């Protein structure tokens, strides 16, 4: 099995998990269009997926096809620190006057991506720097605020600190 097939499979599994679907859940949600055994084979890299099938799967997941493709660029040392995952459910529970800029920013990203899982949203750490400017605080203060609101998990703090170092 090639490294690319493994990476593609991991990407497919990650998207499925992000949407809260089991393999059986994919089969059920697709009314049998996507068989659990086939999706599992794609995710393990045991079965080659055609471009047409990949496009159909991207449509099923309601994401751009490029999101399914593994990143071809070489890994950078700081990659784990650059991903920030916002809890959208918690964000929706907070007063709009408090979280308005963040909520609008998240909604815009969701719209651009066609990503409406409603539970979480991955953004770049660079986005937090921009949001900090909007909130007129430092990125560290914004990280602390988002953790306090429950929009970020406390484990985001070390990642953000290493990014700002």
C-alpha atoms as a PDB file:
ATOM      1  CA  UNK A   1       0.000   0.000   0.000  1.00  0.00           C
ATOM      2  CA  UNK A   2       1.425   3.386  -0.959  1.00  0.00           C
ATOM      3  CA  UNK A   3       1.977   6.198   1.494  1.00  0.00           C
ATOM      4  CA  UNK A   4      -0.390   8.332  -0.564  1.00  0.00           C
ATOM      5  CA  UNK A   5      -3.171   5.732  -0.281  1.00  0.00           C
ATOM      6  CA  UNK A   6      -2.643   5.650   3.488  1.00  0.00           C
ATOM      7  CA  UNK A   7      -2.727   9.452   3.681  1.00  0.00           C
ATOM      8  CA  UNK A   8      -5.846   9.634   1.499  1.00  0.00           C
ATOM      9  CA  UNK A   9      -7.519   6.995   3.659  1.00  0.00           C
ATOM     10  CA  UNK A  10      -6.628   8.878   6.832  1.00  0.00           C
ATOM     11  CA  UNK A  11      -8.066  12.052   5.305  1.00  0.00           C
ATOM     12  CA  UNK A  12     -11.292  10.267   4.373  1.00  0.00           C
ATOM     13  CA  UNK A  13     -11.576   8.800   7.875  1.00  0.00           C
ATOM     14  CA  UNK A  14     -10.917  12.203   9.440  1.00  0.00           C
ATOM     15  CA  UNK A  15     -13.682  13.869   7.433  1.00  0.00           C
ATOM     16  CA  UNK A  16     -16.121  11.055   8.246  1.00  0.00           C
ATOM     17  CA  UNK A  17     -15.267  11.287  11.943  1.00  0.00           C
ATOM     18  CA  UNK A  18     -15.557  15.073  11.898  1.00  0.00           C
ATOM     19  CA  UNK A  19     -19.110  14.658  10.662  1.00  0.00           C
ATOM     20  CA  UNK A  20     -19.834  12.213  13.473  1.00  0.00           C
ATOM     21  CA  UNK A  21     -20.505   9.282  11.172  1.00  0.00           C
ATOM     22  CA  UNK A  22     -19.594   5.647  11.657  1.00  0.00           C
ATOM     23  CA  UNK A  23     -19.007   3.496   8.591  1.00  0.00           C
ATOM     24  CA  UNK A  24     -22.512   2.132   9.056  1.00  0.00           C
ATOM     25  CA  UNK A  25     -23.767   5.688   9.506  1.00  0.00           C
ATOM     26  CA  UNK A  26     -22.392   6.619   6.072  1.00  0.00           C
ATOM     27  CA  UNK A  27     -24.247   3.688   4.538  1.00  0.00           C
ATOM     28  CA  UNK A  28     -27.475   4.653   6.282  1.00  0.00           C
ATOM     29  CA  UNK A  29     -27.208   8.389   5.546  1.00  0.00           C
ATOM     30  CA  UNK A  30     -26.508   7.641   1.874  1.00  0.00           C
ATOM     31  CA  UNK A  31     -29.442   5.204   1.672  1.00  0.00           C
ATOM     32  CA  UNK A  32     -27.029   2.434   0.698  1.00  0.00           C
ATOM     33  CA  UNK A  33     -25.240   4.454  -1.998  1.00  0.00           C
ATOM     34  CA  UNK A  34     -21.986   4.150  -0.037  1.00  0.00           C
ATOM     35  CA  UNK A  35     -21.450   0.702   1.475  1.00  0.00           C
ATOM     36  CA  UNK A  36     -19.657   0.606   4.838  1.00  0.00           C
ATOM     37  CA  UNK A  37     -17.242  -2.051   3.575  1.00  0.00           C
ATOM     38  CA  UNK A  38     -16.280   0.072   0.555  1.00  0.00           C
ATOM     39  CA  UNK A  39     -15.720   3.233   2.597  1.00  0.00           C
ATOM     40  CA  UNK A  40     -13.683   1.208   5.093  1.00  0.00           C
ATOM     41  CA  UNK A  41     -11.553  -0.161   2.239  1.00  0.00           C
ATOM     42  CA  UNK A  42     -10.942   3.366   0.930  1.00  0.00           C
ATOM     43  CA  UNK A  43     -10.008   4.547   4.421  1.00  0.00           C
ATOM     44  CA  UNK A  44      -7.556   1.676   4.954  1.00  0.00           C
ATOM     45  CA  UNK A  45      -6.055   2.259   1.514  1.00  0.00           C
ATOM     46  CA  UNK A  46      -6.915  -1.320   0.526  1.00  0.00           C
ATOM     47  CA  UNK A  47      -9.025  -0.210  -2.403  1.00  0.00           C
ATOM     48  CA  UNK A  48      -8.207   2.441  -4.997  1.00  0.00           C
ATOM     49  CA  UNK A  49     -10.724   5.232  -5.315  1.00  0.00           C
ATOM     50  CA  UNK A  50     -11.328   6.796  -8.723  1.00  0.00           C
ATOM     51  CA  UNK A  51     -11.451  10.530  -9.205  1.00  0.00           C
ATOM     52  CA  UNK A  52     -15.157  10.227 -10.035  1.00  0.00           C
ATOM     53  CA  UNK A  53     -15.881   8.312  -6.800  1.00  0.00           C
ATOM     54  CA  UNK A  54     -13.787  10.786  -4.821  1.00  0.00           C
ATOM     55  CA  UNK A  55     -15.800  13.676  -6.301  1.00  0.00           C
ATOM     56  CA  UNK A  56     -19.052  11.895  -5.436  1.00  0.00           C
ATOM     57  CA  UNK A  57     -17.823  11.218  -1.915  1.00  0.00           C
ATOM     58  CA  UNK A  58     -16.844  14.881  -1.501  1.00  0.00           C
ATOM     59  CA  UNK A  59     -20.342  15.836  -2.628  1.00  0.00           C
ATOM     60  CA  UNK A  60     -21.859  13.382  -0.141  1.00  0.00           C
ATOM     61  CA  UNK A  61     -19.773  14.898   2.677  1.00  0.00           C
ATOM     62  CA  UNK A  62     -20.641  18.366   1.339  1.00  0.00           C
ATOM     63  CA  UNK A  63     -17.016  19.492   1.143  1.00  0.00           C
ATOM     64  CA  UNK A  64     -14.712  20.602  -1.681  1.00  0.00           C
ATOM     65  CA  UNK A  65     -12.899  17.656  -3.250  1.00  0.00           C
ATOM     66  CA  UNK A  66      -9.555  19.269  -2.417  1.00  0.00           C
ATOM     67  CA  UNK A  67     -10.354  18.771   1.269  1.00  0.00           C
ATOM     68  CA  UNK A  68     -10.235  15.009   0.733  1.00  0.00           C
ATOM     69  CA  UNK A  69      -6.780  15.050  -0.800  1.00  0.00           C
ATOM     70  CA  UNK A  70      -3.760  14.625   1.446  1.00  0.00           C
ATOM     71  CA  UNK A  71      -1.482  17.609   1.712  1.00  0.00           C
ATOM     72  CA  UNK A  72       1.322  17.118  -0.800  1.00  0.00           C
ATOM     73  CA  UNK A  73       3.590  19.680   0.860  1.00  0.00           C
ATOM     74  CA  UNK A  74       6.282  18.413   3.212  1.00  0.00           C
ATOM     75  CA  UNK A  75       5.307  18.472   6.858  1.00  0.00           C
ATOM     76  CA  UNK A  76       6.531  21.423   8.881  1.00  0.00           C
ATOM     77  CA  UNK A  77       7.614  21.071  12.458  1.00  0.00           C
ATOM     78  CA  UNK A  78       4.929  23.412  13.757  1.00  0.00           C
ATOM     79  CA  UNK A  79       1.881  21.900  12.057  1.00  0.00           C
ATOM     80  CA  UNK A  80       0.171  20.589  15.204  1.00  0.00           C
ATOM     81  CA  UNK A  81       0.308  24.082  16.700  1.00  0.00           C
ATOM     82  CA  UNK A  82      -1.281  25.707  13.657  1.00  0.00           C
ATOM     83  CA  UNK A  83      -4.654  23.934  13.846  1.00  0.00           C
ATOM     84  CA  UNK A  84      -7.263  25.479  16.103  1.00  0.00           C
ATOM     85  CA  UNK A  85     -10.606  23.743  16.634  1.00  0.00           C
ATOM     86  CA  UNK A  86     -13.540  25.898  17.689  1.00  0.00           C
ATOM     87  CA  UNK A  87     -16.525  24.383  19.517  1.00  0.00           C
ATOM     88  CA  UNK A  88     -19.410  25.789  17.470  1.00  0.00           C
ATOM     89  CA  UNK A  89     -22.080  24.357  19.755  1.00  0.00           C
ATOM     90  CA  UNK A  90     -20.639  26.314  22.691  1.00  0.00           C
ATOM     91  CA  UNK A  91     -20.163  29.398  20.518  1.00  0.00           C
ATOM     92  CA  UNK A  92     -23.878  29.328  19.669  1.00  0.00           C
ATOM     93  CA  UNK A  93     -24.789  29.332  23.380  1.00  0.00           C
ATOM     94  CA  UNK A  94     -22.918  32.557  24.137  1.00  0.00           C
ATOM     95  CA  UNK A  95     -24.399  36.090  23.949  1.00  0.00           C
ATOM     96  CA  UNK A  96     -24.079  37.547  20.430  1.00  0.00           C
ATOM     97  CA  UNK A  97     -22.844  40.895  21.756  1.00  0.00           C
ATOM     98  CA  UNK A  98     -19.907  39.046  23.337  1.00  0.00           C
ATOM     99  CA  UNK A  99     -18.972  36.670  20.508  1.00  0.00           C
ATOM    100  CA  UNK A 100     -20.351  38.501  17.465  1.00  0.00           C
ATOM    101  CA  UNK A 101     -17.073  38.978  15.567  1.00  0.00           C
ATOM    102  CA  UNK A 102     -15.986  35.385  16.176  1.00  0.00           C
ATOM    103  CA  UNK A 103     -19.419  34.011  15.245  1.00  0.00           C
ATOM    104  CA  UNK A 104     -19.473  36.011  11.996  1.00  0.00           C
ATOM    105  CA  UNK A 105     -15.923  34.928  11.188  1.00  0.00           C
ATOM    106  CA  UNK A 106     -16.781  31.257  11.810  1.00  0.00           C
ATOM    107  CA  UNK A 107     -19.992  31.540   9.746  1.00  0.00           C
ATOM    108  CA  UNK A 108     -18.035  33.030   6.848  1.00  0.00           C
ATOM    109  CA  UNK A 109     -15.489  30.196   6.924  1.00  0.00           C
ATOM    110  CA  UNK A 110     -18.286  27.614   7.093  1.00  0.00           C
ATOM    111  CA  UNK A 111     -19.960  29.221   4.095  1.00  0.00           C
ATOM    112  CA  UNK A 112     -16.741  29.304   2.075  1.00  0.00           C
ATOM    113  CA  UNK A 113     -16.022  25.658   2.856  1.00  0.00           C
ATOM    114  CA  UNK A 114     -19.585  24.435   2.662  1.00  0.00           C
ATOM    115  CA  UNK A 115     -18.886  22.897   6.080  1.00  0.00           C
ATOM    116  CA  UNK A 116     -21.992  22.896   8.199  1.00  0.00           C
ATOM    117  CA  UNK A 117     -21.463  20.070  10.677  1.00  0.00           C
ATOM    118  CA  UNK A 118     -22.392  22.577  13.385  1.00  0.00           C
ATOM    119  CA  UNK A 119     -20.197  20.995  16.059  1.00  0.00           C
ATOM    120  CA  UNK A 120     -16.629  22.068  15.405  1.00  0.00           C
ATOM    121  CA  UNK A 121     -14.687  24.210  12.966  1.00  0.00           C
ATOM    122  CA  UNK A 122     -10.964  24.043  12.303  1.00  0.00           C
ATOM    123  CA  UNK A 123      -9.279  27.359  11.657  1.00  0.00           C
ATOM    124  CA  UNK A 124      -5.656  28.385  11.291  1.00  0.00           C
ATOM    125  CA  UNK A 125      -3.756  29.879  14.183  1.00  0.00           C
ATOM    126  CA  UNK A 126      -3.206  32.853  11.874  1.00  0.00           C
ATOM    127  CA  UNK A 127      -6.975  33.402  11.996  1.00  0.00           C
ATOM    128  CA  UNK A 128      -6.718  33.837  15.770  1.00  0.00           C
ATOM    129  CA  UNK A 129      -4.146  36.568  15.260  1.00  0.00           C
ATOM    130  CA  UNK A 130      -6.611  38.401  13.009  1.00  0.00           C
ATOM    131  CA  UNK A 131      -9.442  37.896  15.482  1.00  0.00           C
ATOM    132  CA  UNK A 132      -7.247  39.216  18.293  1.00  0.00           C
ATOM    133  CA  UNK A 133      -6.834  42.441  16.340  1.00  0.00           C
ATOM    134  CA  UNK A 134     -10.608  42.685  15.951  1.00  0.00           C
ATOM    135  CA  UNK A 135     -11.087  42.131  19.699  1.00  0.00           C
ATOM    136  CA  UNK A 136      -8.196  44.570  20.396  1.00  0.00           C
ATOM    137  CA  UNK A 137      -6.293  42.067  22.565  1.00  0.00           C
ATOM    138  CA  UNK A 138      -3.221  39.887  22.141  1.00  0.00           C
ATOM    139  CA  UNK A 139      -3.537  36.402  20.610  1.00  0.00           C
ATOM    140  CA  UNK A 140      -2.667  34.936  24.031  1.00  0.00           C
ATOM    141  CA  UNK A 141      -5.420  36.944  25.708  1.00  0.00           C
ATOM    142  CA  UNK A 142      -7.881  35.870  23.013  1.00  0.00           C
ATOM    143  CA  UNK A 143      -6.868  32.227  23.473  1.00  0.00           C
ATOM    144  CA  UNK A 144      -7.454  32.547  27.223  1.00  0.00           C
ATOM    145  CA  UNK A 145     -10.825  34.240  26.567  1.00  0.00           C
ATOM    146  CA  UNK A 146     -11.931  31.505  24.160  1.00  0.00           C
ATOM    147  CA  UNK A 147     -10.884  28.821  26.636  1.00  0.00           C
ATOM    148  CA  UNK A 148     -12.842  30.664  29.335  1.00  0.00           C
ATOM    149  CA  UNK A 149     -15.905  30.755  27.093  1.00  0.00           C
ATOM    150  CA  UNK A 150     -15.507  27.030  26.385  1.00  0.00           C
ATOM    151  CA  UNK A 151     -15.022  27.641  22.665  1.00  0.00           C
ATOM    152  CA  UNK A 152     -11.459  26.249  22.806  1.00  0.00           C
ATOM    153  CA  UNK A 153     -10.252  23.388  24.960  1.00  0.00           C
ATOM    154  CA  UNK A 154      -7.529  24.134  27.536  1.00  0.00           C
ATOM    155  CA  UNK A 155      -5.062  22.017  25.535  1.00  0.00           C
ATOM    156  CA  UNK A 156      -5.115  24.755  22.863  1.00  0.00           C
ATOM    157  CA  UNK A 157      -3.077  27.031  25.155  1.00  0.00           C
ATOM    158  CA  UNK A 158       0.298  25.214  24.811  1.00  0.00           C
ATOM    159  CA  UNK A 159      -0.169  24.936  21.048  1.00  0.00           C
ATOM    160  CA  UNK A 160      -0.872  28.656  20.734  1.00  0.00           C
ATOM    161  CA  UNK A 161       2.053  29.535  23.020  1.00  0.00           C
ATOM    162  CA  UNK A 162       4.451  27.516  20.874  1.00  0.00           C
ATOM    163  CA  UNK A 163       3.074  29.183  17.764  1.00  0.00           C
ATOM    164  CA  UNK A 164       3.660  32.643  19.216  1.00  0.00           C
ATOM    165  CA  UNK A 165       7.143  31.793  20.497  1.00  0.00           C
END
